[in-house]
N, C-alpha and C. Protein backbone atom coordinates (compact mmCIF):
# COMPACT_ATOMS: atom_id res chain seq x y z
N MET A 1 99.10 95.53 284.70
CA MET A 1 98.61 96.85 285.05
C MET A 1 99.70 97.65 285.75
N THR A 2 100.61 96.95 286.42
CA THR A 2 101.74 97.63 287.03
C THR A 2 102.63 98.26 285.96
N LEU A 3 102.88 97.52 284.89
CA LEU A 3 103.69 98.05 283.79
C LEU A 3 103.03 99.26 283.15
N VAL A 4 101.73 99.18 282.91
CA VAL A 4 101.00 100.30 282.30
C VAL A 4 101.03 101.51 283.23
N SER A 5 100.82 101.28 284.52
CA SER A 5 100.84 102.38 285.49
C SER A 5 102.21 103.05 285.53
N CYS A 6 103.25 102.25 285.55
CA CYS A 6 104.62 102.77 285.54
C CYS A 6 104.89 103.55 284.25
N PHE A 7 104.43 103.01 283.14
CA PHE A 7 104.61 103.68 281.85
C PHE A 7 103.91 105.03 281.83
N LYS A 8 102.71 105.09 282.41
CA LYS A 8 101.98 106.36 282.47
C LYS A 8 102.69 107.38 283.36
N VAL A 9 103.27 106.91 284.46
CA VAL A 9 104.06 107.81 285.31
C VAL A 9 105.25 108.34 284.52
N LEU A 10 105.89 107.48 283.75
CA LEU A 10 107.02 107.90 282.92
C LEU A 10 106.59 108.96 281.90
N LEU A 11 105.46 108.73 281.23
CA LEU A 11 104.96 109.71 280.26
C LEU A 11 104.63 111.04 280.94
N HIS A 12 104.06 110.95 282.13
CA HIS A 12 103.76 112.16 282.92
C HIS A 12 105.06 112.90 283.23
N ARG A 13 106.06 112.15 283.61
CA ARG A 13 107.36 112.73 283.95
C ARG A 13 107.97 113.45 282.75
N TYR A 14 107.90 112.84 281.58
CA TYR A 14 108.49 113.43 280.38
C TYR A 14 107.66 114.58 279.80
N SER A 15 106.35 114.44 279.84
CA SER A 15 105.48 115.42 279.18
C SER A 15 105.01 116.54 280.10
N GLY A 16 104.94 116.27 281.39
CA GLY A 16 104.40 117.24 282.32
C GLY A 16 102.87 117.27 282.30
N GLN A 17 102.26 116.46 281.46
CA GLN A 17 100.80 116.41 281.36
C GLN A 17 100.23 115.52 282.46
N GLN A 18 99.06 115.89 282.95
CA GLN A 18 98.43 115.10 283.99
C GLN A 18 97.41 114.12 283.42
N ASN A 19 96.89 114.41 282.26
CA ASN A 19 95.93 113.54 281.60
C ASN A 19 96.69 112.68 280.59
N ILE A 20 96.91 111.43 280.96
CA ILE A 20 97.71 110.53 280.11
C ILE A 20 96.78 109.50 279.47
N CYS A 21 96.86 109.44 278.15
CA CYS A 21 96.00 108.54 277.37
C CYS A 21 96.87 107.68 276.47
N ILE A 22 96.71 106.37 276.59
CA ILE A 22 97.46 105.46 275.74
C ILE A 22 96.51 104.45 275.11
N GLY A 23 96.97 103.81 274.06
CA GLY A 23 96.23 102.72 273.46
C GLY A 23 96.92 101.42 273.81
N THR A 24 96.14 100.36 273.89
CA THR A 24 96.70 99.04 274.14
C THR A 24 95.81 97.99 273.47
N PRO A 25 96.42 96.98 272.87
CA PRO A 25 95.61 95.96 272.19
C PRO A 25 94.99 94.99 273.19
N VAL A 26 93.87 94.42 272.78
CA VAL A 26 93.17 93.41 273.59
C VAL A 26 92.77 92.28 272.65
N ALA A 27 92.80 91.05 273.15
CA ALA A 27 92.54 89.88 272.31
C ALA A 27 91.12 89.85 271.76
N ASN A 28 90.17 90.47 272.45
CA ASN A 28 88.79 90.57 271.99
C ASN A 28 88.15 89.20 271.75
N ARG A 29 88.34 88.31 272.69
CA ARG A 29 87.74 86.98 272.63
C ARG A 29 86.79 86.83 273.82
N THR A 30 85.68 87.52 273.73
CA THR A 30 84.75 87.57 274.85
C THR A 30 83.69 86.48 274.81
N ARG A 31 83.58 85.81 273.69
CA ARG A 31 82.57 84.74 273.58
C ARG A 31 83.27 83.38 273.56
N ARG A 32 82.74 82.47 274.33
CA ARG A 32 83.34 81.14 274.47
C ARG A 32 83.53 80.44 273.13
N GLU A 33 82.59 80.60 272.23
CA GLU A 33 82.66 79.87 270.95
C GLU A 33 83.80 80.32 270.03
N ILE A 34 84.40 81.48 270.31
CA ILE A 34 85.52 81.92 269.46
C ILE A 34 86.87 81.84 270.16
N GLU A 35 86.88 81.39 271.43
CA GLU A 35 88.12 81.37 272.20
C GLU A 35 89.21 80.51 271.57
N GLU A 36 88.84 79.41 270.94
CA GLU A 36 89.85 78.50 270.42
C GLU A 36 90.13 78.68 268.93
N LEU A 37 89.48 79.63 268.29
CA LEU A 37 89.75 79.91 266.88
C LEU A 37 91.12 80.56 266.74
N VAL A 38 91.83 80.18 265.70
CA VAL A 38 93.12 80.79 265.42
C VAL A 38 92.88 81.88 264.37
N VAL A 39 92.36 83.01 264.86
CA VAL A 39 92.02 84.15 264.02
C VAL A 39 92.43 85.41 264.76
N PHE A 40 92.76 86.43 264.03
CA PHE A 40 93.22 87.69 264.60
C PHE A 40 92.01 88.56 264.95
N PHE A 41 91.64 88.63 266.23
CA PHE A 41 90.49 89.41 266.69
C PHE A 41 90.91 90.65 267.47
N VAL A 42 92.15 91.05 267.39
CA VAL A 42 92.67 92.13 268.23
C VAL A 42 91.94 93.44 267.99
N ASN A 43 91.65 94.12 269.08
CA ASN A 43 91.05 95.44 269.04
C ASN A 43 91.92 96.35 269.91
N ILE A 44 91.74 97.64 269.80
CA ILE A 44 92.54 98.59 270.58
C ILE A 44 91.65 99.26 271.63
N LEU A 45 92.13 99.23 272.87
CA LEU A 45 91.46 99.94 273.96
C LEU A 45 92.18 101.25 274.21
N ILE A 46 91.43 102.25 274.59
CA ILE A 46 92.01 103.54 274.94
C ILE A 46 91.90 103.69 276.45
N LEU A 47 93.05 103.90 277.10
CA LEU A 47 93.10 104.00 278.55
C LEU A 47 93.55 105.40 278.95
N ARG A 48 92.66 106.14 279.59
CA ARG A 48 92.95 107.52 280.01
C ARG A 48 92.90 107.60 281.53
N ASN A 49 93.95 108.22 282.09
CA ASN A 49 94.01 108.42 283.54
C ASN A 49 94.58 109.79 283.86
N GLU A 50 94.06 110.37 284.93
CA GLU A 50 94.61 111.61 285.48
C GLU A 50 95.66 111.22 286.51
N ILE A 51 96.81 111.84 286.42
CA ILE A 51 97.87 111.56 287.38
C ILE A 51 97.99 112.72 288.36
N ASN A 52 97.87 112.38 289.63
CA ASN A 52 98.08 113.34 290.71
C ASN A 52 99.39 112.96 291.38
N SER A 53 100.40 113.82 291.27
CA SER A 53 101.74 113.53 291.79
C SER A 53 101.75 113.29 293.30
N ASN A 54 100.73 113.77 294.00
CA ASN A 54 100.68 113.60 295.45
C ASN A 54 100.08 112.26 295.85
N LYS A 55 99.59 111.51 294.87
CA LYS A 55 99.01 110.19 295.17
C LYS A 55 100.12 109.16 295.37
N VAL A 56 99.83 108.21 296.24
CA VAL A 56 100.72 107.07 296.43
C VAL A 56 100.57 106.19 295.18
N PHE A 57 101.68 105.59 294.74
CA PHE A 57 101.65 104.81 293.51
C PHE A 57 100.60 103.70 293.58
N ILE A 58 100.47 103.04 294.71
CA ILE A 58 99.50 101.95 294.84
C ILE A 58 98.09 102.45 294.54
N ASP A 59 97.76 103.67 294.97
CA ASP A 59 96.44 104.23 294.67
C ASP A 59 96.28 104.49 293.18
N PHE A 60 97.35 104.98 292.54
CA PHE A 60 97.29 105.21 291.10
C PHE A 60 97.15 103.87 290.36
N LEU A 61 97.85 102.86 290.82
CA LEU A 61 97.72 101.52 290.24
C LEU A 61 96.28 101.03 290.32
N GLN A 62 95.62 101.26 291.43
CA GLN A 62 94.21 100.88 291.59
C GLN A 62 93.33 101.64 290.60
N GLN A 63 93.62 102.93 290.41
CA GLN A 63 92.88 103.75 289.44
C GLN A 63 93.05 103.19 288.02
N VAL A 64 94.27 102.82 287.66
CA VAL A 64 94.54 102.25 286.34
C VAL A 64 93.83 100.91 286.20
N ARG A 65 93.80 100.13 287.26
CA ARG A 65 93.12 98.84 287.25
C ARG A 65 91.62 99.02 286.94
N VAL A 66 90.99 99.96 287.63
CA VAL A 66 89.57 100.23 287.41
C VAL A 66 89.32 100.68 285.96
N THR A 67 90.13 101.61 285.49
CA THR A 67 90.00 102.11 284.11
C THR A 67 90.15 100.98 283.11
N THR A 68 91.13 100.12 283.33
CA THR A 68 91.40 99.01 282.41
C THR A 68 90.25 98.01 282.41
N LEU A 69 89.77 97.65 283.58
CA LEU A 69 88.66 96.69 283.65
C LEU A 69 87.39 97.26 283.02
N GLU A 70 87.15 98.56 283.20
CA GLU A 70 86.00 99.19 282.54
C GLU A 70 86.17 99.17 281.02
N ALA A 71 87.38 99.41 280.55
CA ALA A 71 87.64 99.38 279.10
C ALA A 71 87.42 97.97 278.55
N TYR A 72 87.82 96.94 279.29
CA TYR A 72 87.61 95.57 278.86
C TYR A 72 86.12 95.26 278.65
N GLN A 73 85.27 95.89 279.45
CA GLN A 73 83.83 95.67 279.31
C GLN A 73 83.31 96.19 277.98
N HIS A 74 84.05 97.08 277.34
CA HIS A 74 83.62 97.67 276.07
C HIS A 74 84.55 97.30 274.92
N GLN A 75 85.28 96.20 275.06
CA GLN A 75 86.25 95.83 274.05
C GLN A 75 85.63 95.40 272.71
N ASP A 76 84.34 95.18 272.69
CA ASP A 76 83.68 94.81 271.44
C ASP A 76 83.44 96.01 270.53
N VAL A 77 83.58 97.22 271.07
CA VAL A 77 83.43 98.43 270.25
C VAL A 77 84.72 98.59 269.45
N HIS A 78 84.61 98.47 268.14
CA HIS A 78 85.81 98.49 267.29
C HIS A 78 86.46 99.87 267.29
N PHE A 79 87.78 99.85 267.36
CA PHE A 79 88.56 101.08 267.38
C PHE A 79 88.25 101.95 266.16
N GLU A 80 88.12 101.34 265.00
CA GLU A 80 87.83 102.09 263.78
C GLU A 80 86.50 102.85 263.90
N ASN A 81 85.53 102.26 264.57
CA ASN A 81 84.24 102.93 264.77
C ASN A 81 84.38 104.16 265.65
N MET A 82 85.24 104.07 266.68
CA MET A 82 85.48 105.24 267.53
C MET A 82 86.17 106.35 266.75
N VAL A 83 87.12 105.97 265.91
CA VAL A 83 87.82 106.96 265.09
C VAL A 83 86.85 107.66 264.16
N HIS A 84 85.99 106.88 263.47
CA HIS A 84 85.03 107.47 262.55
C HIS A 84 84.00 108.35 263.28
N ALA A 85 83.59 107.93 264.47
CA ALA A 85 82.63 108.73 265.24
C ALA A 85 83.24 110.06 265.67
N ARG A 86 84.51 110.06 266.01
CA ARG A 86 85.19 111.28 266.43
C ARG A 86 85.66 112.13 265.26
N ALA A 87 85.78 111.53 264.07
CA ALA A 87 86.34 112.24 262.91
C ALA A 87 85.59 113.52 262.58
N LYS A 88 84.30 113.54 262.81
CA LYS A 88 83.50 114.73 262.49
C LYS A 88 83.84 115.91 263.39
N GLU A 89 84.27 115.62 264.63
CA GLU A 89 84.50 116.69 265.59
C GLU A 89 85.98 117.00 265.84
N MET A 90 86.89 116.32 265.12
CA MET A 90 88.30 116.59 265.37
C MET A 90 89.04 116.93 264.10
N ASP A 91 90.11 117.68 264.26
CA ASP A 91 91.01 118.02 263.17
C ASP A 91 92.05 116.91 263.10
N VAL A 92 92.01 116.13 262.03
CA VAL A 92 92.87 114.96 261.91
C VAL A 92 94.35 115.34 261.99
N CYS A 93 94.70 116.53 261.55
CA CYS A 93 96.10 116.97 261.60
C CYS A 93 96.55 117.27 263.03
N LYS A 94 95.64 117.68 263.90
CA LYS A 94 96.01 118.08 265.26
C LYS A 94 95.57 117.08 266.31
N ASP A 95 94.41 116.50 266.15
CA ASP A 95 93.82 115.66 267.19
C ASP A 95 93.97 114.18 266.85
N SER A 96 94.06 113.39 267.88
CA SER A 96 93.96 111.95 267.74
C SER A 96 93.44 111.41 269.07
N LEU A 97 92.95 110.19 269.05
CA LEU A 97 92.42 109.62 270.28
C LEU A 97 93.56 109.34 271.26
N PHE A 98 94.71 108.98 270.73
CA PHE A 98 95.93 108.80 271.54
C PHE A 98 97.12 108.77 270.58
N GLN A 99 98.30 108.99 271.13
CA GLN A 99 99.51 109.03 270.32
C GLN A 99 100.55 108.01 270.74
N VAL A 100 100.29 107.34 271.85
CA VAL A 100 101.24 106.38 272.39
C VAL A 100 100.55 105.03 272.58
N MET A 101 101.23 103.97 272.16
CA MET A 101 100.70 102.61 272.27
C MET A 101 101.59 101.82 273.23
N PHE A 102 100.96 101.01 274.09
CA PHE A 102 101.69 100.13 275.00
C PHE A 102 101.20 98.71 274.75
N ILE A 103 102.13 97.83 274.39
CA ILE A 103 101.76 96.45 274.05
C ILE A 103 102.49 95.49 274.97
N LEU A 104 101.73 94.72 275.73
CA LEU A 104 102.29 93.65 276.56
C LEU A 104 101.92 92.34 275.90
N GLU A 105 102.93 91.60 275.51
CA GLU A 105 102.70 90.34 274.82
C GLU A 105 102.78 89.20 275.83
N GLU A 106 101.62 88.62 276.08
CA GLU A 106 101.52 87.48 276.98
C GLU A 106 100.90 86.34 276.19
N LEU A 107 101.71 85.60 275.50
CA LEU A 107 101.19 84.53 274.66
C LEU A 107 101.07 83.24 275.46
N PRO A 108 99.88 82.68 275.50
CA PRO A 108 99.73 81.40 276.20
C PRO A 108 100.44 80.31 275.40
N GLN A 109 100.93 79.33 276.10
CA GLN A 109 101.60 78.22 275.43
C GLN A 109 100.55 77.34 274.76
N PHE A 110 100.73 77.08 273.46
CA PHE A 110 99.81 76.24 272.70
C PHE A 110 100.32 74.82 272.76
N GLN A 111 99.48 73.93 273.22
CA GLN A 111 99.88 72.53 273.30
C GLN A 111 99.10 71.76 272.26
N ASN A 112 99.82 71.24 271.30
CA ASN A 112 99.21 70.49 270.21
C ASN A 112 98.98 69.05 270.66
N THR A 113 97.73 68.66 270.72
CA THR A 113 97.39 67.29 271.12
C THR A 113 97.25 66.39 269.91
N GLY A 114 97.39 66.96 268.73
CA GLY A 114 97.27 66.17 267.50
C GLY A 114 95.85 66.16 266.96
N SER A 115 94.87 66.58 267.74
CA SER A 115 93.49 66.56 267.29
C SER A 115 93.06 67.89 266.68
N GLU A 116 93.91 68.93 266.80
CA GLU A 116 93.55 70.24 266.26
C GLU A 116 93.74 70.26 264.76
N GLN A 117 92.87 70.97 264.09
CA GLN A 117 93.01 71.17 262.65
C GLN A 117 92.91 72.65 262.37
N LEU A 118 93.88 73.16 261.62
CA LEU A 118 93.85 74.55 261.23
C LEU A 118 93.05 74.66 259.94
N LYS A 119 92.14 75.63 259.90
CA LYS A 119 91.33 75.86 258.71
C LYS A 119 91.62 77.26 258.20
N PRO A 120 91.78 77.42 256.90
CA PRO A 120 92.07 78.76 256.37
C PRO A 120 90.89 79.70 256.56
N PHE A 121 91.20 80.96 256.79
CA PHE A 121 90.19 82.00 256.93
C PHE A 121 89.59 82.28 255.56
N GLN A 122 88.26 82.25 255.44
CA GLN A 122 87.58 82.41 254.17
C GLN A 122 87.06 83.82 253.93
N GLY A 123 87.12 84.68 254.93
CA GLY A 123 86.56 86.02 254.80
C GLY A 123 87.52 87.00 254.17
N LYS A 124 87.09 88.23 254.14
CA LYS A 124 87.90 89.33 253.59
C LYS A 124 88.80 89.87 254.69
N TYR A 125 90.05 90.10 254.36
CA TYR A 125 91.00 90.65 255.32
C TYR A 125 91.58 91.93 254.76
N GLU A 126 91.45 92.99 255.53
CA GLU A 126 92.04 94.26 255.13
C GLU A 126 93.11 94.62 256.13
N ARG A 127 94.28 94.89 255.64
CA ARG A 127 95.38 95.27 256.53
C ARG A 127 95.36 96.77 256.71
N GLN A 128 95.29 97.19 257.96
CA GLN A 128 95.35 98.61 258.27
C GLN A 128 96.51 98.84 259.22
N ILE A 129 97.29 99.85 258.95
CA ILE A 129 98.42 100.17 259.78
C ILE A 129 98.17 101.52 260.43
N PHE A 130 98.19 101.53 261.75
CA PHE A 130 98.04 102.78 262.49
C PHE A 130 99.42 103.21 262.96
N GLN A 131 99.77 104.42 262.67
CA GLN A 131 101.07 104.95 263.09
C GLN A 131 100.89 105.77 264.37
N PHE A 132 101.77 105.53 265.32
CA PHE A 132 101.73 106.26 266.57
C PHE A 132 103.07 106.94 266.79
N ASP A 133 103.06 107.98 267.61
CA ASP A 133 104.31 108.69 267.89
C ASP A 133 105.30 107.79 268.62
N LEU A 134 104.77 106.92 269.49
CA LEU A 134 105.61 106.06 270.30
C LEU A 134 104.88 104.76 270.60
N THR A 135 105.52 103.63 270.37
CA THR A 135 104.94 102.33 270.70
C THR A 135 105.94 101.53 271.51
N PHE A 136 105.54 101.17 272.73
CA PHE A 136 106.36 100.34 273.62
C PHE A 136 105.86 98.91 273.53
N PHE A 137 106.75 97.97 273.25
CA PHE A 137 106.44 96.55 273.24
C PHE A 137 107.15 95.92 274.42
N ILE A 138 106.41 95.21 275.26
CA ILE A 138 107.01 94.45 276.35
C ILE A 138 106.56 93.01 276.18
N LYS A 139 107.52 92.09 276.27
CA LYS A 139 107.23 90.67 276.10
C LYS A 139 107.73 89.91 277.31
N GLU A 140 106.86 89.07 277.86
CA GLU A 140 107.25 88.21 278.97
C GLU A 140 107.98 87.00 278.40
N THR A 141 109.14 86.71 278.97
CA THR A 141 109.90 85.52 278.57
C THR A 141 110.25 84.74 279.83
N SER A 142 110.82 83.58 279.65
CA SER A 142 111.23 82.78 280.81
C SER A 142 112.37 83.46 281.57
N LEU A 143 113.08 84.38 280.93
CA LEU A 143 114.19 85.09 281.57
C LEU A 143 113.78 86.43 282.16
N GLY A 144 112.53 86.84 281.95
CA GLY A 144 112.06 88.13 282.44
C GLY A 144 111.37 88.90 281.33
N LEU A 145 111.45 90.22 281.39
CA LEU A 145 110.80 91.06 280.40
C LEU A 145 111.79 91.50 279.34
N GLU A 146 111.35 91.49 278.10
CA GLU A 146 112.12 92.03 276.97
C GLU A 146 111.29 93.14 276.37
N GLY A 147 111.94 94.11 275.80
CA GLY A 147 111.18 95.21 275.22
C GLY A 147 111.79 95.74 273.95
N SER A 148 110.97 96.47 273.22
CA SER A 148 111.43 97.19 272.04
C SER A 148 110.53 98.42 271.88
N VAL A 149 111.01 99.36 271.09
CA VAL A 149 110.29 100.62 270.92
C VAL A 149 110.27 100.98 269.45
N ILE A 150 109.10 101.40 268.98
CA ILE A 150 108.98 102.00 267.66
C ILE A 150 108.60 103.45 267.91
N TYR A 151 109.27 104.37 267.22
CA TYR A 151 109.04 105.78 267.49
C TYR A 151 109.17 106.61 266.22
N SER A 152 108.56 107.78 266.27
CA SER A 152 108.65 108.73 265.17
C SER A 152 110.01 109.42 265.24
N THR A 153 110.80 109.26 264.18
CA THR A 153 112.11 109.90 264.16
C THR A 153 112.00 111.41 263.93
N GLU A 154 110.82 111.86 263.56
CA GLU A 154 110.59 113.30 263.45
C GLU A 154 110.43 113.95 264.82
N LEU A 155 110.02 113.16 265.82
CA LEU A 155 109.78 113.67 267.17
C LEU A 155 110.87 113.30 268.16
N PHE A 156 111.50 112.15 267.97
CA PHE A 156 112.45 111.63 268.95
C PHE A 156 113.77 111.26 268.29
N SER A 157 114.84 111.48 269.03
CA SER A 157 116.15 110.99 268.58
C SER A 157 116.39 109.62 269.21
N GLU A 158 117.32 108.88 268.67
CA GLU A 158 117.65 107.57 269.25
C GLU A 158 118.13 107.74 270.69
N LYS A 159 118.91 108.79 270.95
CA LYS A 159 119.41 109.06 272.30
C LYS A 159 118.26 109.27 273.28
N THR A 160 117.26 110.04 272.87
CA THR A 160 116.10 110.28 273.73
C THR A 160 115.37 108.99 274.05
N ILE A 161 115.19 108.14 273.06
CA ILE A 161 114.49 106.86 273.27
C ILE A 161 115.31 105.96 274.19
N MET A 162 116.62 105.94 274.02
CA MET A 162 117.47 105.13 274.90
C MET A 162 117.36 105.62 276.34
N GLU A 163 117.31 106.93 276.54
CA GLU A 163 117.14 107.50 277.88
C GLU A 163 115.77 107.15 278.44
N LEU A 164 114.74 107.23 277.60
CA LEU A 164 113.37 106.90 278.01
C LEU A 164 113.30 105.45 278.49
N VAL A 165 113.91 104.54 277.75
CA VAL A 165 113.91 103.12 278.12
C VAL A 165 114.67 102.92 279.43
N SER A 166 115.81 103.57 279.55
CA SER A 166 116.59 103.46 280.79
C SER A 166 115.80 104.00 281.98
N HIS A 167 115.14 105.14 281.80
CA HIS A 167 114.32 105.71 282.88
C HIS A 167 113.14 104.80 283.22
N PHE A 168 112.57 104.15 282.22
CA PHE A 168 111.46 103.21 282.48
C PHE A 168 111.95 102.06 283.35
N GLU A 169 113.11 101.51 283.04
CA GLU A 169 113.66 100.40 283.82
C GLU A 169 113.93 100.83 285.26
N ILE A 170 114.54 101.99 285.42
CA ILE A 170 114.85 102.51 286.77
C ILE A 170 113.57 102.78 287.55
N LEU A 171 112.60 103.42 286.88
CA LEU A 171 111.33 103.75 287.52
C LEU A 171 110.59 102.47 287.92
N LEU A 172 110.55 101.49 287.05
CA LEU A 172 109.86 100.24 287.35
C LEU A 172 110.49 99.55 288.56
N SER A 173 111.80 99.51 288.59
CA SER A 173 112.50 98.90 289.72
C SER A 173 112.20 99.66 291.02
N SER A 174 112.23 100.98 290.96
CA SER A 174 111.95 101.81 292.15
C SER A 174 110.53 101.61 292.64
N ILE A 175 109.60 101.59 291.70
CA ILE A 175 108.18 101.44 292.06
C ILE A 175 107.92 100.06 292.67
N VAL A 176 108.51 99.04 292.10
CA VAL A 176 108.30 97.69 292.63
C VAL A 176 108.87 97.57 294.04
N ASN A 177 109.99 98.24 294.28
CA ASN A 177 110.63 98.17 295.60
C ASN A 177 109.97 99.06 296.64
N THR A 178 109.35 100.17 296.22
CA THR A 178 108.73 101.10 297.18
C THR A 178 107.41 101.65 296.61
N PRO A 179 106.40 100.79 296.44
CA PRO A 179 105.14 101.23 295.84
C PRO A 179 104.32 102.15 296.74
N GLU A 180 104.68 102.27 298.01
CA GLU A 180 103.93 103.10 298.93
C GLU A 180 104.33 104.58 298.86
N LYS A 181 105.35 104.90 298.05
CA LYS A 181 105.78 106.30 297.92
C LYS A 181 104.86 107.04 296.95
N THR A 182 104.86 108.36 297.06
CA THR A 182 104.04 109.17 296.15
C THR A 182 104.68 109.23 294.77
N ILE A 183 103.88 109.50 293.77
CA ILE A 183 104.36 109.61 292.39
C ILE A 183 105.40 110.72 292.29
N ALA A 184 105.22 111.78 293.05
CA ALA A 184 106.17 112.91 293.04
C ALA A 184 107.58 112.48 293.40
N THR A 185 107.72 111.39 294.13
CA THR A 185 109.03 110.88 294.51
C THR A 185 109.90 110.59 293.30
N TRP A 186 109.26 110.13 292.22
CA TRP A 186 110.02 109.72 291.04
C TRP A 186 110.03 110.78 289.96
N LEU A 187 109.54 111.97 290.23
CA LEU A 187 109.52 113.02 289.21
C LEU A 187 110.69 113.88 289.38
């Protein structure tokens, strides 16, 4: 949640917008009986927060935490259903539920005891690709965090993305070292 909060501050800094909305994937394994299945159950959560530059970062982090936990409570609502429900009231060319995706990859270590058996999926699988203006991937490794970015070349240059990544690193370091400062400090 610290990474998401920092990322939202960065988006606020670049866009000047106070209402920041991002998408993030969730494992969607809320029932015990499906926890150990090796099947792709990922769903997308939409996280919207208002940023007040006069707030202390720790308070904003708490706000993001509450928003995220509330979104987790509704993770069974499929993203495609939200898109279809909104499709009637929005102009697909202008509106979208969000344009930026933030993905934190925290893969648990799988320990094979020899008793597991993989079974092929027998159902229908449809591959759908959602394109976003900007997608940040952060992966936890034994050496720290690694990241990559997918972006629309129609909207961003490589130089802009490199600056964005550099600013994210600087902002994250500053926030971790002085979380009691106001968001305006880093703008």
